[in-house]
């Protein structure tokens, strides 16, 4: 059974940085695309970033391009989200997710939550102006 545990959220000021981490307890972590999504109160869950299982290819939502960076450490079964220049509109609960199928990169089409089959419990990010 796959278990994803996020950490690293918190309260920061606009312009600050945070790094989120997600540890995947499942098997074959290195064979799965991993992603980050976020959900603000009253809004739908939205794609933030994803990283390929194979060559480290990445994809980002337009709203975070140039500010956020996703990375992975397969030796530690961990995926990261480095968030820089945070804005109040980045405030949300951030969720780590594992691709629903191994050996598939979803970056060839618009990535959505339906591409991912396992989810963490979320970590809260609050950004004050």
N, C-alpha and C. Protein backbone atom coordinates (compact mmCIF):
# COMPACT_ATOMS: atom_id res chain seq x y z
N UNK A 1 0.84 -1.18 0.00
CA UNK A 1 0.00 0.00 0.00
C UNK A 1 0.88 1.23 0.00
N UNK A 2 0.51 2.20 -0.82
CA UNK A 2 1.28 3.42 -0.95
C UNK A 2 0.84 4.43 0.11
N UNK A 3 1.81 5.02 0.76
CA UNK A 3 1.51 6.10 1.70
C UNK A 3 2.43 7.27 1.38
N UNK A 4 1.83 8.43 1.19
CA UNK A 4 2.58 9.64 0.89
C UNK A 4 2.42 10.59 2.07
N UNK A 5 3.53 11.09 2.58
CA UNK A 5 3.50 11.98 3.73
C UNK A 5 4.23 13.26 3.40
N UNK A 6 3.48 14.36 3.38
CA UNK A 6 4.06 15.67 3.09
C UNK A 6 4.51 16.36 4.36
N UNK A 7 5.46 17.25 4.20
CA UNK A 7 5.91 18.09 5.31
C UNK A 7 6.51 19.37 4.74
N UNK A 8 6.71 20.35 5.61
CA UNK A 8 7.39 21.56 5.19
C UNK A 8 6.51 22.78 5.04
N UNK A 9 5.19 22.60 5.19
CA UNK A 9 4.32 23.75 5.09
C UNK A 9 4.47 24.67 6.29
N UNK A 10 3.85 25.84 6.20
CA UNK A 10 3.92 26.78 7.30
C UNK A 10 3.42 28.14 6.91
N UNK A 11 3.64 29.09 7.81
CA UNK A 11 3.24 30.48 7.60
C UNK A 11 4.47 31.29 7.23
N UNK A 12 4.41 31.96 6.09
CA UNK A 12 5.52 32.79 5.64
C UNK A 12 4.98 34.12 5.15
N UNK A 13 5.89 35.05 4.93
CA UNK A 13 5.51 36.33 4.36
C UNK A 13 5.69 36.31 2.84
N UNK A 14 4.99 37.18 2.18
CA UNK A 14 5.14 37.30 0.73
C UNK A 14 6.61 37.55 0.39
N UNK A 15 7.09 36.84 -0.62
CA UNK A 15 8.49 36.97 -1.02
C UNK A 15 9.40 35.92 -0.42
N UNK A 16 8.93 35.25 0.62
CA UNK A 16 9.73 34.21 1.27
C UNK A 16 9.73 32.92 0.46
N UNK A 17 10.50 31.96 0.96
CA UNK A 17 10.61 30.65 0.32
C UNK A 17 10.23 29.54 1.30
N UNK A 18 9.79 28.44 0.74
CA UNK A 18 9.51 27.22 1.51
C UNK A 18 9.91 26.03 0.64
N UNK A 19 10.29 24.94 1.29
CA UNK A 19 10.51 23.70 0.57
C UNK A 19 9.63 22.62 1.16
N UNK A 20 8.77 22.09 0.34
CA UNK A 20 7.91 20.98 0.76
C UNK A 20 8.61 19.67 0.41
N UNK A 21 8.37 18.67 1.25
CA UNK A 21 8.90 17.34 1.01
C UNK A 21 7.76 16.34 1.06
N UNK A 22 7.93 15.25 0.35
CA UNK A 22 6.93 14.18 0.36
C UNK A 22 7.68 12.84 0.29
N UNK A 23 7.48 12.04 1.32
CA UNK A 23 8.10 10.72 1.36
C UNK A 23 7.08 9.67 0.94
N UNK A 24 7.49 8.84 0.00
CA UNK A 24 6.63 7.80 -0.56
C UNK A 24 7.05 6.45 0.02
N UNK A 25 6.15 5.81 0.74
CA UNK A 25 6.49 4.53 1.37
C UNK A 25 6.24 3.34 0.46
N UNK A 26 5.71 3.60 -0.73
CA UNK A 26 5.40 2.51 -1.63
C UNK A 26 6.61 1.96 -2.35
N UNK A 27 6.41 0.89 -3.06
CA UNK A 27 7.48 0.28 -3.81
C UNK A 27 7.64 0.94 -5.17
N UNK A 28 8.83 0.82 -5.72
CA UNK A 28 9.10 1.26 -7.08
C UNK A 28 8.88 2.76 -7.27
N UNK A 29 9.24 3.53 -6.28
CA UNK A 29 9.07 4.98 -6.37
C UNK A 29 9.68 5.53 -7.64
N UNK A 30 10.84 5.05 -8.00
CA UNK A 30 11.56 5.59 -9.15
C UNK A 30 10.87 5.32 -10.47
N UNK A 31 9.86 4.49 -10.48
CA UNK A 31 9.13 4.15 -11.71
C UNK A 31 7.89 5.00 -11.94
N UNK A 32 7.62 5.93 -11.03
CA UNK A 32 6.38 6.70 -11.11
C UNK A 32 6.64 8.19 -11.27
N UNK A 33 5.83 8.79 -12.14
CA UNK A 33 5.74 10.24 -12.16
C UNK A 33 5.17 10.71 -10.83
N UNK A 34 5.73 11.79 -10.30
CA UNK A 34 5.24 12.36 -9.05
C UNK A 34 4.79 13.80 -9.31
N UNK A 35 3.82 14.22 -8.53
CA UNK A 35 3.29 15.56 -8.75
C UNK A 35 2.91 16.27 -7.46
N UNK A 36 2.71 17.57 -7.60
CA UNK A 36 2.19 18.41 -6.52
C UNK A 36 0.95 19.13 -7.04
N UNK A 37 -0.05 19.15 -6.20
CA UNK A 37 -1.27 19.89 -6.46
C UNK A 37 -1.54 20.78 -5.26
N UNK A 38 -2.44 21.73 -5.44
CA UNK A 38 -2.84 22.58 -4.32
C UNK A 38 -4.33 22.88 -4.39
N UNK A 39 -4.87 23.13 -3.22
CA UNK A 39 -6.29 23.46 -3.14
C UNK A 39 -6.50 24.55 -2.11
N UNK A 40 -7.04 25.65 -2.57
CA UNK A 40 -7.38 26.76 -1.69
C UNK A 40 -8.84 26.63 -1.28
N UNK A 41 -9.23 27.21 -0.16
CA UNK A 41 -10.62 27.13 0.30
C UNK A 41 -11.59 27.60 -0.77
N UNK A 42 -12.60 26.78 -1.04
CA UNK A 42 -13.61 27.15 -2.01
C UNK A 42 -13.21 26.96 -3.46
N UNK A 43 -12.02 26.41 -3.69
CA UNK A 43 -11.55 26.21 -5.06
C UNK A 43 -11.26 24.73 -5.31
N UNK A 44 -11.20 24.39 -6.57
CA UNK A 44 -10.88 23.01 -6.93
C UNK A 44 -9.38 22.75 -6.78
N UNK A 45 -9.06 21.49 -6.64
CA UNK A 45 -7.65 21.10 -6.57
C UNK A 45 -7.00 21.40 -7.92
N UNK A 46 -5.84 22.03 -7.88
CA UNK A 46 -5.19 22.47 -9.12
C UNK A 46 -3.77 21.93 -9.23
N UNK A 47 -3.39 21.62 -10.44
CA UNK A 47 -2.04 21.14 -10.71
C UNK A 47 -1.02 22.22 -10.44
N UNK A 48 0.11 21.83 -9.85
CA UNK A 48 1.21 22.76 -9.59
C UNK A 48 2.46 22.35 -10.38
N UNK A 49 2.89 21.10 -10.19
CA UNK A 49 4.13 20.66 -10.82
C UNK A 49 4.18 19.15 -10.87
N UNK A 50 4.94 18.62 -11.82
CA UNK A 50 5.14 17.18 -11.91
C UNK A 50 6.54 16.90 -12.41
N UNK A 51 7.03 15.72 -12.06
CA UNK A 51 8.36 15.31 -12.49
C UNK A 51 8.31 13.87 -12.97
N UNK A 52 8.96 13.65 -14.09
CA UNK A 52 8.94 12.34 -14.74
C UNK A 52 9.68 11.29 -13.93
N UNK A 53 9.27 10.04 -14.11
CA UNK A 53 9.97 8.92 -13.49
C UNK A 53 11.30 8.68 -14.18
N UNK A 54 11.41 9.06 -15.46
CA UNK A 54 12.52 8.59 -16.30
C UNK A 54 13.73 9.52 -16.29
N UNK A 55 13.54 10.69 -16.85
CA UNK A 55 14.70 11.56 -17.12
C UNK A 55 14.63 12.88 -16.37
N UNK A 56 13.71 12.95 -15.41
CA UNK A 56 13.61 14.18 -14.64
C UNK A 56 12.91 15.30 -15.36
N UNK A 57 12.24 14.98 -16.46
CA UNK A 57 11.45 16.02 -17.14
C UNK A 57 10.43 16.58 -16.17
N UNK A 58 10.16 17.87 -16.32
CA UNK A 58 9.22 18.53 -15.41
C UNK A 58 8.17 19.31 -16.18
N UNK A 59 7.09 19.60 -15.48
CA UNK A 59 6.02 20.41 -16.02
C UNK A 59 5.47 21.25 -14.89
N UNK A 60 5.06 22.48 -15.20
CA UNK A 60 4.58 23.39 -14.18
C UNK A 60 3.32 24.11 -14.65
N UNK A 61 2.52 24.47 -13.68
CA UNK A 61 1.42 25.38 -13.97
C UNK A 61 2.01 26.75 -14.31
N UNK A 62 1.35 27.45 -15.21
CA UNK A 62 1.86 28.77 -15.62
C UNK A 62 2.03 29.71 -14.43
N UNK A 63 1.18 29.58 -13.45
CA UNK A 63 1.19 30.51 -12.31
C UNK A 63 2.43 30.35 -11.43
N UNK A 64 3.15 29.24 -11.56
CA UNK A 64 4.32 29.02 -10.69
C UNK A 64 5.62 28.91 -11.47
N UNK A 65 5.55 28.95 -12.78
CA UNK A 65 6.77 28.83 -13.59
C UNK A 65 7.75 29.93 -13.23
N UNK A 66 9.00 29.55 -13.07
CA UNK A 66 10.05 30.50 -12.71
C UNK A 66 10.18 30.75 -11.23
N UNK A 67 9.21 30.30 -10.44
CA UNK A 67 9.26 30.50 -8.98
C UNK A 67 9.37 29.18 -8.22
N UNK A 68 8.73 28.14 -8.73
CA UNK A 68 8.72 26.84 -8.06
C UNK A 68 9.60 25.86 -8.83
N UNK A 69 10.16 24.91 -8.11
CA UNK A 69 10.97 23.87 -8.74
C UNK A 69 10.68 22.53 -8.07
N UNK A 70 10.35 21.54 -8.87
CA UNK A 70 10.11 20.20 -8.36
C UNK A 70 11.36 19.36 -8.62
N UNK A 71 11.68 18.50 -7.67
CA UNK A 71 12.82 17.61 -7.82
C UNK A 71 12.52 16.31 -7.06
N UNK A 72 13.35 15.32 -7.30
CA UNK A 72 13.14 14.05 -6.63
C UNK A 72 14.49 13.42 -6.27
N UNK A 73 14.47 12.63 -5.21
CA UNK A 73 15.63 11.85 -4.79
C UNK A 73 15.15 10.41 -4.69
N UNK A 74 15.45 9.64 -5.71
CA UNK A 74 14.94 8.27 -5.74
C UNK A 74 15.56 7.39 -4.65
N UNK A 75 16.75 7.73 -4.21
CA UNK A 75 17.37 6.97 -3.14
C UNK A 75 16.64 7.15 -1.81
N UNK A 76 15.95 8.27 -1.68
CA UNK A 76 15.22 8.56 -0.44
C UNK A 76 13.71 8.45 -0.62
N UNK A 77 13.26 8.03 -1.80
CA UNK A 77 11.82 7.94 -2.08
C UNK A 77 11.11 9.25 -1.76
N UNK A 78 11.73 10.34 -2.14
CA UNK A 78 11.23 11.65 -1.75
C UNK A 78 11.14 12.58 -2.96
N UNK A 79 10.06 13.35 -2.99
CA UNK A 79 9.90 14.40 -3.99
C UNK A 79 9.79 15.73 -3.25
N UNK A 80 10.35 16.76 -3.85
CA UNK A 80 10.41 18.07 -3.22
C UNK A 80 9.71 19.11 -4.08
N UNK A 81 9.28 20.17 -3.43
CA UNK A 81 8.78 21.34 -4.14
C UNK A 81 9.41 22.56 -3.49
N UNK A 82 10.35 23.16 -4.20
CA UNK A 82 10.97 24.39 -3.73
C UNK A 82 10.13 25.56 -4.22
N UNK A 83 9.65 26.35 -3.29
CA UNK A 83 8.76 27.47 -3.63
C UNK A 83 9.45 28.77 -3.24
N UNK A 84 9.73 29.59 -4.24
CA UNK A 84 10.38 30.87 -4.01
C UNK A 84 9.44 32.01 -4.37
N UNK A 85 9.76 33.18 -3.89
CA UNK A 85 8.97 34.38 -4.19
C UNK A 85 7.48 34.13 -3.99
N UNK A 86 7.15 33.60 -2.84
CA UNK A 86 5.76 33.22 -2.57
C UNK A 86 4.86 34.45 -2.55
N UNK A 87 3.65 34.24 -3.04
CA UNK A 87 2.64 35.28 -3.11
C UNK A 87 1.44 34.86 -2.27
N UNK A 88 0.64 35.82 -1.84
CA UNK A 88 -0.56 35.45 -1.07
C UNK A 88 -1.46 34.47 -1.82
N UNK A 89 -1.49 34.57 -3.14
CA UNK A 89 -2.34 33.65 -3.92
C UNK A 89 -1.79 32.23 -3.99
N UNK A 90 -0.58 32.02 -3.48
CA UNK A 90 -0.04 30.66 -3.40
C UNK A 90 -0.54 29.92 -2.16
N UNK A 91 -1.19 30.62 -1.26
CA UNK A 91 -1.69 30.00 -0.04
C UNK A 91 -2.71 28.92 -0.37
N UNK A 92 -2.50 27.73 0.19
CA UNK A 92 -3.37 26.59 -0.09
C UNK A 92 -2.88 25.39 0.71
N UNK A 93 -3.64 24.33 0.63
CA UNK A 93 -3.14 23.04 1.09
C UNK A 93 -2.47 22.36 -0.10
N UNK A 94 -1.25 21.94 0.09
CA UNK A 94 -0.48 21.32 -0.98
C UNK A 94 -0.45 19.81 -0.80
N UNK A 95 -0.74 19.13 -1.89
CA UNK A 95 -0.83 17.67 -1.88
C UNK A 95 0.22 17.05 -2.80
N UNK A 96 0.85 16.04 -2.30
CA UNK A 96 1.76 15.23 -3.10
C UNK A 96 0.95 14.09 -3.73
N UNK A 97 1.32 13.70 -4.93
CA UNK A 97 0.58 12.64 -5.60
C UNK A 97 1.52 11.75 -6.43
N UNK A 98 1.14 10.51 -6.54
CA UNK A 98 1.89 9.53 -7.31
C UNK A 98 1.08 9.13 -8.54
N UNK A 99 1.77 9.03 -9.66
CA UNK A 99 1.10 8.64 -10.88
C UNK A 99 0.34 7.34 -10.75
N UNK A 100 -0.75 7.23 -11.47
CA UNK A 100 -1.59 6.05 -11.34
C UNK A 100 -0.99 4.82 -12.01
N UNK A 101 -0.08 5.02 -12.93
CA UNK A 101 0.55 3.90 -13.62
C UNK A 101 2.05 4.10 -13.67
N UNK A 102 2.82 3.01 -13.53
CA UNK A 102 4.28 3.14 -13.62
C UNK A 102 4.73 3.40 -15.05
N UNK A 103 5.90 3.98 -15.16
CA UNK A 103 6.58 4.15 -16.44
C UNK A 103 5.78 5.01 -17.42
N UNK A 104 5.03 5.96 -16.90
CA UNK A 104 4.25 6.87 -17.73
C UNK A 104 4.57 8.30 -17.34
N UNK A 105 4.86 9.12 -18.34
CA UNK A 105 5.06 10.54 -18.13
C UNK A 105 3.86 11.27 -18.71
N UNK A 106 3.23 12.10 -17.88
CA UNK A 106 2.00 12.74 -18.27
C UNK A 106 2.21 14.11 -18.90
N UNK A 107 3.45 14.47 -19.14
CA UNK A 107 3.74 15.81 -19.61
C UNK A 107 3.41 16.07 -21.06
N UNK A 108 2.97 15.03 -21.77
CA UNK A 108 2.64 15.21 -23.18
C UNK A 108 1.24 15.78 -23.38
N UNK A 109 0.46 15.86 -22.31
CA UNK A 109 -0.88 16.45 -22.37
C UNK A 109 -1.12 17.20 -21.08
N UNK A 110 -2.15 18.03 -21.02
CA UNK A 110 -2.40 18.78 -19.78
C UNK A 110 -2.57 17.84 -18.60
N UNK A 111 -1.74 18.02 -17.60
CA UNK A 111 -1.75 17.14 -16.43
C UNK A 111 -2.94 17.48 -15.55
N UNK A 112 -3.61 16.44 -15.08
CA UNK A 112 -4.76 16.65 -14.20
C UNK A 112 -4.70 15.66 -13.04
N UNK A 113 -5.54 15.89 -12.06
CA UNK A 113 -5.57 15.03 -10.88
C UNK A 113 -5.90 13.59 -11.25
N UNK A 114 -6.62 13.37 -12.32
CA UNK A 114 -7.01 12.02 -12.71
C UNK A 114 -5.83 11.18 -13.17
N UNK A 115 -4.69 11.81 -13.43
CA UNK A 115 -3.48 11.07 -13.81
C UNK A 115 -2.79 10.44 -12.60
N UNK A 116 -3.24 10.75 -11.41
CA UNK A 116 -2.56 10.33 -10.19
C UNK A 116 -3.48 9.47 -9.35
N UNK A 117 -2.93 8.39 -8.81
CA UNK A 117 -3.76 7.42 -8.11
C UNK A 117 -3.60 7.39 -6.61
N UNK A 118 -2.52 7.98 -6.09
CA UNK A 118 -2.28 8.00 -4.64
C UNK A 118 -1.98 9.42 -4.21
N UNK A 119 -2.49 9.75 -3.03
CA UNK A 119 -2.39 11.13 -2.55
C UNK A 119 -1.97 11.17 -1.10
N UNK A 120 -1.24 12.23 -0.75
CA UNK A 120 -0.93 12.47 0.64
C UNK A 120 -2.06 13.20 1.33
N UNK A 121 -1.84 13.48 2.61
CA UNK A 121 -2.89 14.13 3.40
C UNK A 121 -2.85 15.64 3.27
N UNK A 122 -1.79 16.17 2.71
CA UNK A 122 -1.68 17.61 2.48
C UNK A 122 -0.90 18.33 3.56
N UNK A 123 -0.30 19.44 3.17
CA UNK A 123 0.40 20.31 4.11
C UNK A 123 -0.01 21.75 3.80
N UNK A 124 -0.28 22.49 4.84
CA UNK A 124 -0.84 23.83 4.68
C UNK A 124 0.27 24.86 4.46
N UNK A 125 0.06 25.71 3.47
CA UNK A 125 0.95 26.84 3.22
C UNK A 125 0.14 28.11 3.33
N UNK A 126 0.57 29.00 4.18
CA UNK A 126 -0.09 30.29 4.37
C UNK A 126 0.90 31.39 4.07
N UNK A 127 0.49 32.36 3.26
CA UNK A 127 1.37 33.44 2.86
C UNK A 127 0.71 34.77 3.23
N UNK A 128 1.36 35.49 4.10
CA UNK A 128 0.81 36.79 4.51
C UNK A 128 1.39 37.88 3.63
N UNK A 129 0.57 38.89 3.40
CA UNK A 129 1.00 40.01 2.53
C UNK A 129 1.69 41.10 3.32
